[in-house]
Amino acid sequence: MLGPVIAAFRSSNIACGHRSQVAAEPQTDLALAKCLSHPKAVAGAIRKHAPDAVLVVFETGPRAPWFHRELTADGRPAVGIDAKHAKAALDTAPNKTDANDADGLALLAEAGFFREVRVKSWEAMRAEQSR
C-alpha cells in the first residue's frame, strides 16, 4: 500500500514520491532529482516529479521566506521544518549528503515527525532588511 506523495528539498536536491506504508515492503516510486537552488526551479522539479504532492517540506533558514512565498504561489503546500529538530534526526544518517538529507526530510514528513515553524512573511523579511 503506497502512502501520499511527499516532496522535500535540501540545497539543490529533491526527494519525492510514494513510499510503502508497510515496513516490510521496499520503498517504491521514489524520485531523487537535482535542480538549481532557486524556488522556481524547485517548484518546477516538484511539478515534474511529484505533481500530486500533498506536502513539500524544507528546513528553515535565511531563504525560507523566499522559498515559502514562491512555492505557495505555485500552488505547492509548502511547510517549513524547524532546522534544529531536523538536524537532530538527520545526523543519525551514516552518509551525510544533501541528497540523503532531502530523502530524510521526506521520511520525517511522511512519519509526521517534524515541528512545523511559522515562516516569516516576505513583507516582514523585506522590512527587516531595509533597516
Foldseek 3Di string as FASTA:
>chain_A
DWDAWEWEFFQFKIKIAIADPDPVDGGPLIDIDGFHRALVGVLVVCCVRPVRHPEYEYEDDPCVQRNVVSNVVSVHHYFYFHNVQLCVQQVVDPDDDRNSSRVSVRVCVRVVNTDTDDDDHPVVSVVVVVD
